[in-house]
Amino acid sequence: MNTKEIIGFTTVTTLLKPIFRGWYTPKIFGKENIPKKGAVVIACNHKHIMDQCMVICATRRPISYMAKSEYFKGHFAWFFRLTGCICVNRNGNDIQAKQEANSHLANGGALGIFPEGTRNRTENLLTDFRYGAASLACKNNALLLPVAVTGDYNFRSKTLAARIGKPFSTENMTTEQANERLKAEITRLLLENLQAGYGTVDEYLKAEMLNNP
């Protein structure tokens, strides 16, 4: 992030965090696991357009999120540019987006990405992970930070929760190994949330399918 983007991100999130917390009343566990500095790829399951807000509410650290190119068109394009999001064209190999992400991590930044690639609307608790998060972490010797979000985004939700795991090093890991561990960690965090009572009926059913294939 450049100085303008950091100021934009900080200003916007300072204004919006209290509104988000007041409306949804989310529970966030593991805030202390977010590194305060250094290159880190924050990877979360993806169920709702607001999922990134759960992580943003857990830290004061600026995070550059990878966002689909459609968000950079129309009336709200300014918002995504102002907050330092990285535009990703999902229809091909977006070299420019990769370069921006690599540069951000090389400068010790925090990068947010959803390894499922898009919102999960399937009958599975998680969909297949793409290799972007693991690859970026491995190439830049960055930590991988797993995050799981469960519950509903209803007003004053009683089930909405994020559980932030401990970051792990990708040193001496292949991309495949890092990706496999990342998915395993996020699965574990999802199940911990559900076992603690944070989840919807659909999520409980999906977890049962996972445990009893």
N, C-alpha and C. Protein backbone atom coordinates (compact mmCIF):
# COMPACT_ATOMS: atom_id res chain seq x y z
N MET A 1 0.84 -1.19 0.00
CA MET A 1 0.00 0.00 0.00
C MET A 1 0.88 1.25 0.00
N ASN A 2 0.48 2.23 -0.78
CA ASN A 2 1.17 3.51 -0.71
C ASN A 2 0.53 4.35 0.40
N THR A 3 1.11 5.52 0.65
CA THR A 3 0.64 6.36 1.76
C THR A 3 -0.82 6.74 1.59
N LYS A 4 -1.21 7.08 0.37
CA LYS A 4 -2.59 7.47 0.11
C LYS A 4 -3.56 6.33 0.42
N GLU A 5 -3.19 5.12 0.02
CA GLU A 5 -4.05 3.96 0.27
C GLU A 5 -4.14 3.63 1.76
N ILE A 6 -3.02 3.78 2.47
CA ILE A 6 -3.04 3.51 3.91
C ILE A 6 -3.95 4.50 4.61
N ILE A 7 -3.86 5.78 4.23
CA ILE A 7 -4.73 6.80 4.82
C ILE A 7 -6.18 6.51 4.47
N GLY A 8 -6.44 6.14 3.22
CA GLY A 8 -7.80 5.82 2.79
C GLY A 8 -8.36 4.64 3.53
N PHE A 9 -7.57 3.57 3.64
CA PHE A 9 -8.00 2.37 4.35
C PHE A 9 -8.30 2.69 5.81
N THR A 10 -7.38 3.39 6.46
CA THR A 10 -7.54 3.71 7.88
C THR A 10 -8.76 4.60 8.12
N THR A 11 -8.95 5.60 7.27
CA THR A 11 -10.08 6.52 7.42
C THR A 11 -11.41 5.79 7.25
N VAL A 12 -11.52 5.02 6.17
CA VAL A 12 -12.77 4.32 5.87
C VAL A 12 -13.09 3.27 6.94
N THR A 13 -12.10 2.49 7.32
CA THR A 13 -12.38 1.42 8.30
C THR A 13 -12.66 1.98 9.69
N THR A 14 -12.04 3.09 10.03
CA THR A 14 -12.32 3.72 11.33
C THR A 14 -13.77 4.15 11.41
N LEU A 15 -14.31 4.61 10.29
CA LEU A 15 -15.70 5.05 10.24
C LEU A 15 -16.68 3.87 10.20
N LEU A 16 -16.31 2.83 9.46
CA LEU A 16 -17.25 1.73 9.22
C LEU A 16 -17.23 0.63 10.27
N LYS A 17 -16.11 0.43 10.95
CA LYS A 17 -16.03 -0.64 11.95
C LYS A 17 -17.13 -0.55 13.01
N PRO A 18 -17.35 0.62 13.63
CA PRO A 18 -18.40 0.69 14.67
C PRO A 18 -19.79 0.38 14.11
N ILE A 19 -20.04 0.76 12.86
CA ILE A 19 -21.34 0.48 12.24
C ILE A 19 -21.50 -1.01 12.04
N PHE A 20 -20.45 -1.65 11.51
CA PHE A 20 -20.49 -3.10 11.27
C PHE A 20 -20.69 -3.85 12.59
N ARG A 21 -19.90 -3.48 13.60
CA ARG A 21 -20.01 -4.17 14.89
C ARG A 21 -21.39 -3.96 15.52
N GLY A 22 -21.90 -2.73 15.43
CA GLY A 22 -23.19 -2.44 16.03
C GLY A 22 -24.34 -3.15 15.35
N TRP A 23 -24.24 -3.31 14.03
CA TRP A 23 -25.33 -3.94 13.27
C TRP A 23 -25.31 -5.45 13.39
N TYR A 24 -24.12 -6.05 13.25
CA TYR A 24 -24.04 -7.52 13.20
C TYR A 24 -23.62 -8.17 14.52
N THR A 25 -23.05 -7.42 15.44
CA THR A 25 -22.54 -7.94 16.72
C THR A 25 -21.72 -9.24 16.56
N PRO A 26 -20.69 -9.21 15.73
CA PRO A 26 -19.91 -10.43 15.48
C PRO A 26 -19.03 -10.80 16.67
N LYS A 27 -18.75 -12.09 16.80
CA LYS A 27 -17.78 -12.58 17.77
C LYS A 27 -16.49 -12.88 16.99
N ILE A 28 -15.37 -12.41 17.53
CA ILE A 28 -14.09 -12.63 16.86
C ILE A 28 -13.11 -13.23 17.86
N PHE A 29 -12.62 -14.43 17.53
CA PHE A 29 -11.69 -15.14 18.40
C PHE A 29 -10.31 -15.20 17.74
N GLY A 30 -9.27 -15.01 18.54
CA GLY A 30 -7.91 -15.14 18.02
C GLY A 30 -7.32 -13.88 17.43
N LYS A 31 -7.81 -12.72 17.84
CA LYS A 31 -7.26 -11.46 17.32
C LYS A 31 -5.75 -11.37 17.52
N GLU A 32 -5.31 -11.92 18.64
CA GLU A 32 -3.88 -11.83 18.98
C GLU A 32 -3.00 -12.60 18.00
N ASN A 33 -3.58 -13.43 17.16
CA ASN A 33 -2.80 -14.22 16.21
C ASN A 33 -2.43 -13.44 14.94
N ILE A 34 -3.00 -12.27 14.76
CA ILE A 34 -2.67 -11.48 13.57
C ILE A 34 -1.34 -10.78 13.80
N PRO A 35 -0.32 -11.08 12.98
CA PRO A 35 0.98 -10.43 13.16
C PRO A 35 0.86 -8.91 13.00
N LYS A 36 1.54 -8.19 13.86
CA LYS A 36 1.49 -6.72 13.80
C LYS A 36 2.35 -6.16 12.69
N LYS A 37 3.31 -6.95 12.22
CA LYS A 37 4.16 -6.50 11.13
C LYS A 37 4.69 -7.71 10.37
N GLY A 38 5.27 -7.44 9.21
CA GLY A 38 5.84 -8.51 8.41
C GLY A 38 4.86 -9.05 7.39
N ALA A 39 5.41 -9.68 6.35
CA ALA A 39 4.59 -10.20 5.25
C ALA A 39 3.69 -11.33 5.72
N VAL A 40 2.39 -11.21 5.45
CA VAL A 40 1.44 -12.24 5.84
C VAL A 40 0.31 -12.30 4.83
N VAL A 41 -0.09 -13.51 4.46
CA VAL A 41 -1.25 -13.72 3.60
C VAL A 41 -2.38 -14.21 4.49
N ILE A 42 -3.44 -13.41 4.58
CA ILE A 42 -4.59 -13.75 5.41
C ILE A 42 -5.62 -14.43 4.53
N ALA A 43 -5.88 -15.69 4.82
CA ALA A 43 -6.74 -16.51 3.96
C ALA A 43 -7.98 -16.97 4.73
N CYS A 44 -9.14 -16.71 4.16
CA CYS A 44 -10.41 -16.99 4.84
C CYS A 44 -11.37 -17.71 3.90
N ASN A 45 -12.23 -18.54 4.47
CA ASN A 45 -13.31 -19.11 3.67
C ASN A 45 -14.24 -17.98 3.22
N HIS A 46 -15.05 -18.24 2.21
CA HIS A 46 -15.83 -17.13 1.63
C HIS A 46 -17.29 -17.54 1.47
N LYS A 47 -18.15 -16.93 2.28
CA LYS A 47 -19.57 -17.23 2.25
C LYS A 47 -20.44 -16.02 1.99
N HIS A 48 -19.88 -14.82 2.21
CA HIS A 48 -20.68 -13.59 2.14
C HIS A 48 -19.79 -12.43 1.70
N ILE A 49 -20.39 -11.44 1.07
CA ILE A 49 -19.64 -10.29 0.57
C ILE A 49 -18.95 -9.51 1.69
N MET A 50 -19.44 -9.68 2.93
CA MET A 50 -18.89 -8.93 4.07
C MET A 50 -17.78 -9.68 4.81
N ASP A 51 -17.37 -10.83 4.34
CA ASP A 51 -16.42 -11.65 5.09
C ASP A 51 -15.12 -10.92 5.44
N GLN A 52 -14.63 -10.10 4.53
CA GLN A 52 -13.37 -9.40 4.81
C GLN A 52 -13.50 -8.44 5.98
N CYS A 53 -14.72 -7.95 6.23
CA CYS A 53 -14.94 -7.03 7.34
C CYS A 53 -14.67 -7.69 8.68
N MET A 54 -14.89 -8.99 8.76
CA MET A 54 -14.64 -9.72 10.01
C MET A 54 -13.17 -9.66 10.38
N VAL A 55 -12.29 -9.78 9.39
CA VAL A 55 -10.85 -9.70 9.65
C VAL A 55 -10.44 -8.25 9.92
N ILE A 56 -10.97 -7.34 9.13
CA ILE A 56 -10.63 -5.93 9.30
C ILE A 56 -10.99 -5.43 10.69
N CYS A 57 -12.10 -5.93 11.23
CA CYS A 57 -12.53 -5.53 12.58
C CYS A 57 -11.63 -6.08 13.67
N ALA A 58 -10.77 -7.05 13.32
CA ALA A 58 -9.94 -7.70 14.32
C ALA A 58 -8.57 -7.04 14.49
N THR A 59 -8.24 -6.06 13.65
CA THR A 59 -6.91 -5.48 13.68
C THR A 59 -6.93 -4.03 13.18
N ARG A 60 -5.94 -3.29 13.61
CA ARG A 60 -5.75 -1.93 13.09
C ARG A 60 -4.82 -1.92 11.88
N ARG A 61 -4.28 -3.08 11.59
CA ARG A 61 -3.30 -3.16 10.50
C ARG A 61 -3.98 -3.03 9.14
N PRO A 62 -3.47 -2.18 8.25
CA PRO A 62 -4.02 -2.10 6.90
C PRO A 62 -3.84 -3.41 6.14
N ILE A 63 -4.88 -3.83 5.43
CA ILE A 63 -4.84 -5.08 4.66
C ILE A 63 -5.26 -4.79 3.23
N SER A 64 -4.45 -5.20 2.28
CA SER A 64 -4.82 -5.09 0.87
C SER A 64 -5.54 -6.38 0.47
N TYR A 65 -6.79 -6.25 0.08
CA TYR A 65 -7.56 -7.43 -0.32
C TYR A 65 -7.55 -7.59 -1.84
N MET A 66 -7.41 -8.84 -2.27
CA MET A 66 -7.57 -9.17 -3.68
C MET A 66 -9.07 -9.12 -3.98
N ALA A 67 -9.48 -8.33 -4.96
CA ALA A 67 -10.91 -8.15 -5.25
C ALA A 67 -11.15 -8.29 -6.76
N LYS A 68 -12.26 -8.93 -7.10
CA LYS A 68 -12.55 -9.17 -8.51
C LYS A 68 -12.74 -7.86 -9.26
N SER A 69 -12.37 -7.87 -10.54
CA SER A 69 -12.35 -6.66 -11.35
C SER A 69 -13.72 -6.00 -11.47
N GLU A 70 -14.80 -6.80 -11.32
CA GLU A 70 -16.14 -6.22 -11.42
C GLU A 70 -16.38 -5.14 -10.38
N TYR A 71 -15.69 -5.24 -9.24
CA TYR A 71 -15.86 -4.24 -8.18
C TYR A 71 -15.24 -2.89 -8.55
N PHE A 72 -14.37 -2.91 -9.54
CA PHE A 72 -13.66 -1.68 -9.93
C PHE A 72 -14.37 -0.96 -11.08
N LYS A 73 -15.60 -1.36 -11.31
CA LYS A 73 -16.42 -0.72 -12.34
C LYS A 73 -17.67 -0.13 -11.68
N GLY A 74 -18.16 0.94 -12.20
CA GLY A 74 -19.40 1.51 -11.66
C GLY A 74 -19.15 2.53 -10.56
N HIS A 75 -20.19 2.80 -9.79
CA HIS A 75 -20.21 3.92 -8.85
C HIS A 75 -19.31 3.73 -7.64
N PHE A 76 -18.99 2.48 -7.27
CA PHE A 76 -18.21 2.25 -6.05
C PHE A 76 -16.76 1.87 -6.33
N ALA A 77 -16.31 2.05 -7.57
CA ALA A 77 -14.93 1.74 -7.91
C ALA A 77 -13.95 2.54 -7.05
N TRP A 78 -14.30 3.79 -6.78
CA TRP A 78 -13.44 4.66 -5.98
C TRP A 78 -13.16 4.07 -4.60
N PHE A 79 -14.15 3.38 -4.05
CA PHE A 79 -14.03 2.82 -2.70
C PHE A 79 -12.94 1.75 -2.66
N PHE A 80 -12.93 0.87 -3.65
CA PHE A 80 -11.97 -0.22 -3.68
C PHE A 80 -10.56 0.29 -3.98
N ARG A 81 -10.46 1.32 -4.81
CA ARG A 81 -9.16 1.91 -5.08
C ARG A 81 -8.64 2.66 -3.86
N LEU A 82 -9.52 3.39 -3.21
CA LEU A 82 -9.15 4.19 -2.04
C LEU A 82 -8.60 3.33 -0.92
N THR A 83 -9.17 2.13 -0.74
CA THR A 83 -8.79 1.27 0.38
C THR A 83 -7.68 0.28 0.03
N GLY A 84 -7.06 0.45 -1.14
CA GLY A 84 -5.88 -0.34 -1.47
C GLY A 84 -6.14 -1.75 -1.95
N CYS A 85 -7.36 -2.04 -2.41
CA CYS A 85 -7.65 -3.37 -2.96
C CYS A 85 -6.88 -3.59 -4.25
N ILE A 86 -6.57 -4.83 -4.53
CA ILE A 86 -5.86 -5.20 -5.76
C ILE A 86 -6.86 -5.81 -6.73
N CYS A 87 -6.97 -5.22 -7.90
CA CYS A 87 -7.93 -5.64 -8.91
C CYS A 87 -7.49 -6.95 -9.56
N VAL A 88 -8.38 -7.95 -9.58
CA VAL A 88 -8.06 -9.25 -10.14
C VAL A 88 -9.06 -9.61 -11.24
N ASN A 89 -8.54 -9.90 -12.43
CA ASN A 89 -9.37 -10.40 -13.51
C ASN A 89 -9.41 -11.92 -13.40
N ARG A 90 -10.57 -12.46 -13.05
CA ARG A 90 -10.67 -13.89 -12.79
C ARG A 90 -10.83 -14.73 -14.06
N ASN A 91 -10.86 -14.08 -15.20
CA ASN A 91 -11.06 -14.80 -16.46
C ASN A 91 -9.77 -15.29 -17.09
N GLY A 92 -8.66 -15.02 -16.44
CA GLY A 92 -7.39 -15.46 -17.01
C GLY A 92 -6.27 -15.32 -16.01
N ASN A 93 -5.04 -15.49 -16.48
CA ASN A 93 -3.86 -15.36 -15.63
C ASN A 93 -3.52 -13.88 -15.50
N ASP A 94 -3.95 -13.26 -14.41
CA ASP A 94 -3.78 -11.82 -14.24
C ASP A 94 -2.38 -11.53 -13.70
N ILE A 95 -1.44 -11.28 -14.61
CA ILE A 95 -0.04 -11.07 -14.24
C ILE A 95 0.12 -9.78 -13.43
N GLN A 96 -0.60 -8.74 -13.81
CA GLN A 96 -0.48 -7.48 -13.10
C GLN A 96 -0.91 -7.61 -11.64
N ALA A 97 -2.01 -8.31 -11.40
CA ALA A 97 -2.48 -8.51 -10.03
C ALA A 97 -1.45 -9.28 -9.21
N LYS A 98 -0.84 -10.30 -9.82
CA LYS A 98 0.18 -11.07 -9.13
C LYS A 98 1.39 -10.21 -8.79
N GLN A 99 1.77 -9.35 -9.72
CA GLN A 99 2.91 -8.46 -9.49
C GLN A 99 2.63 -7.50 -8.34
N GLU A 100 1.42 -6.97 -8.30
CA GLU A 100 1.05 -6.05 -7.21
C GLU A 100 1.04 -6.78 -5.88
N ALA A 101 0.50 -7.99 -5.87
CA ALA A 101 0.45 -8.76 -4.63
C ALA A 101 1.85 -9.13 -4.15
N ASN A 102 2.71 -9.56 -5.08
CA ASN A 102 4.09 -9.90 -4.73
C ASN A 102 4.83 -8.68 -4.19
N SER A 103 4.64 -7.53 -4.82
CA SER A 103 5.28 -6.30 -4.37
C SER A 103 4.82 -5.92 -2.96
N HIS A 104 3.53 -6.08 -2.73
CA HIS A 104 2.97 -5.74 -1.41
C HIS A 104 3.59 -6.61 -0.32
N LEU A 105 3.71 -7.90 -0.59
CA LEU A 105 4.29 -8.81 0.39
C LEU A 105 5.79 -8.59 0.53
N ALA A 106 6.46 -8.29 -0.57
CA ALA A 106 7.90 -8.04 -0.53
C ALA A 106 8.23 -6.84 0.36
N ASN A 107 7.27 -5.93 0.47
CA ASN A 107 7.43 -4.75 1.33
C ASN A 107 6.90 -4.97 2.74
N GLY A 108 6.61 -6.23 3.07
CA GLY A 108 6.19 -6.56 4.43
C GLY A 108 4.74 -6.29 4.73
N GLY A 109 3.89 -6.27 3.70
CA GLY A 109 2.49 -5.95 3.89
C GLY A 109 1.62 -7.14 4.24
N ALA A 110 0.36 -6.84 4.58
CA ALA A 110 -0.64 -7.87 4.84
C ALA A 110 -1.58 -7.95 3.65
N LEU A 111 -1.75 -9.15 3.12
CA LEU A 111 -2.56 -9.37 1.93
C LEU A 111 -3.75 -10.26 2.28
N GLY A 112 -4.95 -9.84 1.92
CA GLY A 112 -6.14 -10.63 2.17
C GLY A 112 -6.62 -11.33 0.91
N ILE A 113 -6.93 -12.62 1.02
CA ILE A 113 -7.36 -13.38 -0.15
C ILE A 113 -8.32 -14.49 0.27
N PHE A 114 -9.25 -14.81 -0.61
CA PHE A 114 -10.18 -15.92 -0.38
C PHE A 114 -9.75 -17.07 -1.29
N PRO A 115 -9.12 -18.10 -0.74
CA PRO A 115 -8.57 -19.18 -1.57
C PRO A 115 -9.62 -19.98 -2.34
N GLU A 116 -10.89 -19.90 -1.94
CA GLU A 116 -11.93 -20.58 -2.72
C GLU A 116 -12.20 -19.84 -4.04
N GLY A 117 -11.75 -18.59 -4.13
CA GLY A 117 -11.86 -17.85 -5.38
C GLY A 117 -13.15 -17.09 -5.55
N THR A 118 -14.22 -17.59 -5.00
CA THR A 118 -15.53 -16.95 -5.09
C THR A 118 -16.37 -17.43 -3.92
N ARG A 119 -17.53 -16.83 -3.72
CA ARG A 119 -18.36 -17.23 -2.60
C ARG A 119 -18.85 -18.67 -2.75
N ASN A 120 -18.86 -19.37 -1.65
CA ASN A 120 -19.25 -20.78 -1.63
C ASN A 120 -20.78 -20.89 -1.58
N ARG A 121 -21.36 -21.35 -2.66
CA ARG A 121 -22.82 -21.56 -2.72
C ARG A 121 -23.14 -23.05 -2.93
N THR A 122 -22.19 -23.90 -2.55
CA THR A 122 -22.35 -25.34 -2.77
C THR A 122 -22.85 -26.02 -1.49
N GLU A 123 -23.00 -27.34 -1.56
CA GLU A 123 -23.41 -28.12 -0.39
C GLU A 123 -22.21 -28.52 0.47
N ASN A 124 -21.03 -28.09 0.09
CA ASN A 124 -19.82 -28.41 0.84
C ASN A 124 -19.47 -27.29 1.81
N LEU A 125 -18.87 -27.66 2.94
CA LEU A 125 -18.45 -26.65 3.90
C LEU A 125 -17.40 -25.73 3.30
N LEU A 126 -16.51 -26.31 2.49
CA LEU A 126 -15.52 -25.56 1.74
C LEU A 126 -15.48 -26.09 0.31
N THR A 127 -15.16 -25.23 -0.64
CA THR A 127 -14.92 -25.68 -2.01
C THR A 127 -13.42 -25.86 -2.20
N ASP A 128 -13.01 -26.37 -3.35
CA ASP A 128 -11.60 -26.58 -3.62
C ASP A 128 -10.84 -25.25 -3.53
N PHE A 129 -9.65 -25.30 -2.94
CA PHE A 129 -8.83 -24.11 -2.83
C PHE A 129 -8.00 -23.91 -4.10
N ARG A 130 -8.00 -22.69 -4.60
CA ARG A 130 -7.05 -22.34 -5.64
C ARG A 130 -5.69 -22.12 -4.98
N TYR A 131 -4.66 -22.08 -5.80
CA TYR A 131 -3.30 -22.06 -5.24
C TYR A 131 -2.74 -20.66 -5.01
N GLY A 132 -3.52 -19.62 -5.27
CA GLY A 132 -3.01 -18.25 -5.18
C GLY A 132 -2.44 -17.89 -3.82
N ALA A 133 -3.19 -18.14 -2.75
CA ALA A 133 -2.74 -17.76 -1.41
C ALA A 133 -1.45 -18.49 -1.04
N ALA A 134 -1.43 -19.79 -1.25
CA ALA A 134 -0.25 -20.58 -0.91
C ALA A 134 0.95 -20.19 -1.76
N SER A 135 0.72 -19.97 -3.04
CA SER A 135 1.81 -19.61 -3.95
C SER A 135 2.43 -18.27 -3.58
N LEU A 136 1.60 -17.29 -3.30
CA LEU A 136 2.10 -15.96 -2.92
C LEU A 136 2.89 -16.03 -1.62
N ALA A 137 2.40 -16.81 -0.67
CA ALA A 137 3.10 -16.94 0.61
C ALA A 137 4.45 -17.62 0.42
N CYS A 138 4.48 -18.69 -0.35
CA CYS A 138 5.73 -19.43 -0.57
C CYS A 138 6.76 -18.59 -1.32
N LYS A 139 6.33 -17.87 -2.33
CA LYS A 139 7.25 -17.09 -3.14
C LYS A 139 7.86 -15.92 -2.38
N ASN A 140 7.13 -15.43 -1.39
CA ASN A 140 7.59 -14.24 -0.66
C ASN A 140 8.00 -14.54 0.78
N ASN A 141 8.12 -15.84 1.11
CA ASN A 141 8.48 -16.25 2.46
C ASN A 141 7.58 -15.57 3.49
N ALA A 142 6.31 -15.50 3.14
CA ALA A 142 5.31 -14.86 4.01
C ALA A 142 4.61 -15.90 4.88
N LEU A 143 4.11 -15.46 6.00
CA LEU A 143 3.29 -16.32 6.84
C LEU A 143 1.92 -16.51 6.20
N LEU A 144 1.31 -17.65 6.47
CA LEU A 144 -0.08 -17.89 6.07
C LEU A 144 -0.94 -17.87 7.33
N LEU A 145 -1.99 -17.07 7.31
CA LEU A 145 -2.86 -16.93 8.47
C LEU A 145 -4.26 -17.43 8.12
N PRO A 146 -4.68 -18.58 8.68
CA PRO A 146 -6.01 -19.12 8.37
C PRO A 146 -7.11 -18.47 9.21
N VAL A 147 -8.24 -18.19 8.56
CA VAL A 147 -9.39 -17.59 9.23
C VAL A 147 -10.66 -18.31 8.78
N ALA A 148 -11.57 -18.54 9.71
CA ALA A 148 -12.85 -19.18 9.39
C ALA A 148 -13.99 -18.30 9.87
N VAL A 149 -14.98 -18.11 9.00
CA VAL A 149 -16.18 -17.34 9.35
C VAL A 149 -17.39 -18.24 9.22
N THR A 150 -18.24 -18.24 10.25
CA THR A 150 -19.49 -19.00 10.22
C THR A 150 -20.61 -18.12 10.75
N GLY A 151 -21.85 -18.59 10.54
CA GLY A 151 -23.01 -17.86 11.06
C GLY A 151 -23.69 -17.02 9.99
N ASP A 152 -24.70 -16.27 10.43
CA ASP A 152 -25.47 -15.47 9.49
C ASP A 152 -25.17 -13.98 9.66
N TYR A 153 -25.43 -13.23 8.60
CA TYR A 153 -25.22 -11.79 8.62
C TYR A 153 -26.56 -11.08 8.83
N ASN A 154 -27.30 -11.52 9.81
CA ASN A 154 -28.55 -10.87 10.17
C ASN A 154 -28.30 -9.78 11.22
N PHE A 155 -29.25 -8.87 11.33
CA PHE A 155 -29.15 -7.81 12.32
C PHE A 155 -29.04 -8.41 13.72
N ARG A 156 -28.04 -7.92 14.48
CA ARG A 156 -27.80 -8.42 15.83
C ARG A 156 -27.66 -9.95 15.86
N SER A 157 -26.87 -10.45 14.93
CA SER A 157 -26.71 -11.89 14.80
C SER A 157 -26.19 -12.52 16.09
N LYS A 158 -26.71 -13.70 16.39
CA LYS A 158 -26.24 -14.46 17.54
C LYS A 158 -25.27 -15.57 17.14
N THR A 159 -25.07 -15.73 15.82
CA THR A 159 -24.24 -16.84 15.36
C THR A 159 -23.00 -16.41 14.58
N LEU A 160 -22.92 -15.15 14.17
CA LEU A 160 -21.82 -14.71 13.32
C LEU A 160 -20.51 -14.66 14.11
N ALA A 161 -19.52 -15.39 13.62
CA ALA A 161 -18.24 -15.47 14.33
C ALA A 161 -17.09 -15.71 13.37
N ALA A 162 -15.95 -15.12 13.70
CA ALA A 162 -14.70 -15.39 12.99
C ALA A 162 -13.72 -16.00 13.98
N ARG A 163 -13.01 -17.01 13.54
CA ARG A 163 -11.99 -17.65 14.39
C ARG A 163 -10.67 -17.58 13.62
N ILE A 164 -9.71 -16.89 14.21
CA ILE A 164 -8.43 -16.64 13.56
C ILE A 164 -7.39 -17.60 14.14
N GLY A 165 -6.83 -18.42 13.28
CA GLY A 165 -5.84 -19.38 13.72
C GLY A 165 -4.46 -18.77 13.87
N LYS A 166 -3.51 -19.60 14.23
CA LYS A 166 -2.13 -19.14 14.36
C LYS A 166 -1.46 -19.15 12.99
N PRO A 167 -0.68 -18.10 12.69
CA PRO A 167 0.01 -18.08 11.39
C PRO A 167 1.08 -19.17 11.34
N PHE A 168 1.32 -19.69 10.16
CA PHE A 168 2.38 -20.68 10.02
C PHE A 168 3.30 -20.32 8.85
N SER A 169 4.55 -20.69 9.01
CA SER A 169 5.56 -20.40 8.00
C SER A 169 5.44 -21.37 6.83
N THR A 170 5.70 -20.86 5.65
CA THR A 170 5.68 -21.70 4.45
C THR A 170 7.09 -22.08 4.01
N GLU A 171 8.07 -21.74 4.85
CA GLU A 171 9.46 -22.04 4.52
C GLU A 171 9.64 -23.55 4.33
N ASN A 172 10.32 -23.92 3.26
CA ASN A 172 10.60 -25.32 2.92
C ASN A 172 9.35 -26.11 2.54
N MET A 173 8.25 -25.41 2.29
CA MET A 173 7.02 -26.07 1.83
C MET A 173 6.85 -25.86 0.33
N THR A 174 6.29 -26.86 -0.34
CA THR A 174 5.86 -26.65 -1.71
C THR A 174 4.52 -25.92 -1.67
N THR A 175 4.13 -25.37 -2.80
CA THR A 175 2.83 -24.71 -2.88
C THR A 175 1.71 -25.68 -2.52
N GLU A 176 1.83 -26.91 -3.00
CA GLU A 176 0.81 -27.92 -2.73
C GLU A 176 0.72 -28.23 -1.24
N GLN A 177 1.86 -28.35 -0.58
CA GLN A 177 1.88 -28.64 0.85
C GLN A 177 1.27 -27.49 1.65
N ALA A 178 1.63 -26.26 1.28
CA ALA A 178 1.10 -25.09 1.97
C ALA A 178 -0.41 -24.97 1.79
N ASN A 179 -0.86 -25.26 0.58
CA ASN A 179 -2.29 -25.17 0.28
C ASN A 179 -3.08 -26.23 1.05
N GLU A 180 -2.51 -27.43 1.11
CA GLU A 180 -3.16 -28.53 1.83
C GLU A 180 -3.26 -28.22 3.32
N ARG A 181 -2.19 -27.67 3.90
CA ARG A 181 -2.23 -27.34 5.32
C ARG A 181 -3.21 -26.19 5.57
N LEU A 182 -3.21 -25.20 4.68
CA LEU A 182 -4.12 -24.07 4.83
C LEU A 182 -5.57 -24.54 4.87
N LYS A 183 -5.93 -25.41 3.95
CA LYS A 183 -7.31 -25.90 3.92
C LYS A 183 -7.63 -26.71 5.18
N ALA A 184 -6.68 -27.50 5.64
CA ALA A 184 -6.89 -28.29 6.85
C ALA A 184 -7.10 -27.39 8.07
N GLU A 185 -6.32 -26.32 8.14
CA GLU A 185 -6.42 -25.39 9.28
C GLU A 185 -7.76 -24.66 9.25
N ILE A 186 -8.18 -24.20 8.08
CA ILE A 186 -9.46 -23.49 8.00
C ILE A 186 -10.62 -24.43 8.29
N THR A 187 -10.52 -25.66 7.82
CA THR A 187 -11.55 -26.67 8.14
C THR A 187 -11.65 -26.86 9.64
N ARG A 188 -10.51 -27.00 10.30
CA ARG A 188 -10.50 -27.19 11.76
C ARG A 188 -11.14 -25.99 12.47
N LEU A 189 -10.83 -24.78 12.03
CA LEU A 189 -11.39 -23.58 12.65
C LEU A 189 -12.90 -23.49 12.42
N LEU A 190 -13.34 -23.87 11.23
CA LEU A 190 -14.77 -23.90 10.95
C LEU A 190 -15.50 -24.84 11.91
N LEU A 191 -14.95 -26.02 12.08
CA LEU A 191 -15.58 -27.02 12.95
C LEU A 191 -15.56 -26.55 14.41
N GLU A 192 -14.51 -25.86 14.83
CA GLU A 192 -14.45 -25.33 16.19
C GLU A 192 -15.56 -24.29 16.40
N ASN A 193 -15.75 -23.44 15.42
CA ASN A 193 -16.83 -22.46 15.51
C ASN A 193 -18.19 -23.14 15.64
N LEU A 194 -18.43 -24.12 14.79
CA LEU A 194 -19.72 -24.80 14.79
C LEU A 194 -19.95 -25.57 16.09
N GLN A 195 -18.91 -26.21 16.59
CA GLN A 195 -19.02 -26.95 17.85
C GLN A 195 -19.30 -26.02 19.02
N ALA A 196 -18.85 -24.75 18.89
CA ALA A 196 -19.07 -23.76 19.94
C ALA A 196 -20.43 -23.07 19.81
N GLY A 197 -21.20 -23.45 18.78
CA GLY A 197 -22.54 -22.92 18.62
C GLY A 197 -22.67 -21.73 17.69
N TYR A 198 -21.60 -21.47 16.93
CA TYR A 198 -21.64 -20.34 15.99
C TYR A 198 -21.80 -20.87 14.57
N GLY A 199 -23.03 -20.88 14.10
CA GLY A 199 -23.26 -21.36 12.75
C GLY A 199 -24.74 -21.46 12.43
N THR A 200 -25.04 -21.60 11.15
CA THR A 200 -26.42 -21.76 10.69
C THR A 200 -26.75 -23.24 10.56
N VAL A 201 -28.02 -23.54 10.35
CA VAL A 201 -28.44 -24.92 10.17
C VAL A 201 -27.73 -25.53 8.96
N ASP A 202 -27.65 -24.78 7.87
CA ASP A 202 -26.99 -25.27 6.66
C ASP A 202 -25.53 -25.64 6.94
N GLU A 203 -24.86 -24.79 7.72
CA GLU A 203 -23.46 -25.05 8.01
C GLU A 203 -23.30 -26.30 8.87
N TYR A 204 -24.20 -26.51 9.80
CA TYR A 204 -24.15 -27.73 10.60
C TYR A 204 -24.35 -28.96 9.73
N LEU A 205 -25.28 -28.87 8.78
CA LEU A 205 -25.53 -30.00 7.89
C LEU A 205 -24.31 -30.29 7.01
N LYS A 206 -23.67 -29.22 6.53
CA LYS A 206 -22.48 -29.38 5.72
C LYS A 206 -21.35 -30.03 6.51
N ALA A 207 -21.26 -29.63 7.79
CA ALA A 207 -20.22 -30.22 8.65
C ALA A 207 -20.49 -31.70 8.87
N GLU A 208 -21.76 -32.05 9.01
CA GLU A 208 -22.11 -33.47 9.17
C GLU A 208 -21.74 -34.26 7.93
N MET A 209 -21.92 -33.66 6.76
CA MET A 209 -21.54 -34.33 5.51
C MET A 209 -20.02 -34.51 5.44
N LEU A 210 -19.30 -33.52 5.96
CA LEU A 210 -17.84 -33.61 5.96
C LEU A 210 -17.36 -34.73 6.89
N ASN A 211 -17.98 -34.81 8.05
CA ASN A 211 -17.57 -35.81 9.04
C ASN A 211 -18.08 -37.21 8.74
N ASN A 212 -19.16 -37.29 7.95
CA ASN A 212 -19.74 -38.58 7.62
C ASN A 212 -19.95 -38.69 6.10
N PRO A 213 -18.85 -38.75 5.34
CA PRO A 213 -18.98 -38.78 3.87
C PRO A 213 -19.64 -40.07 3.38
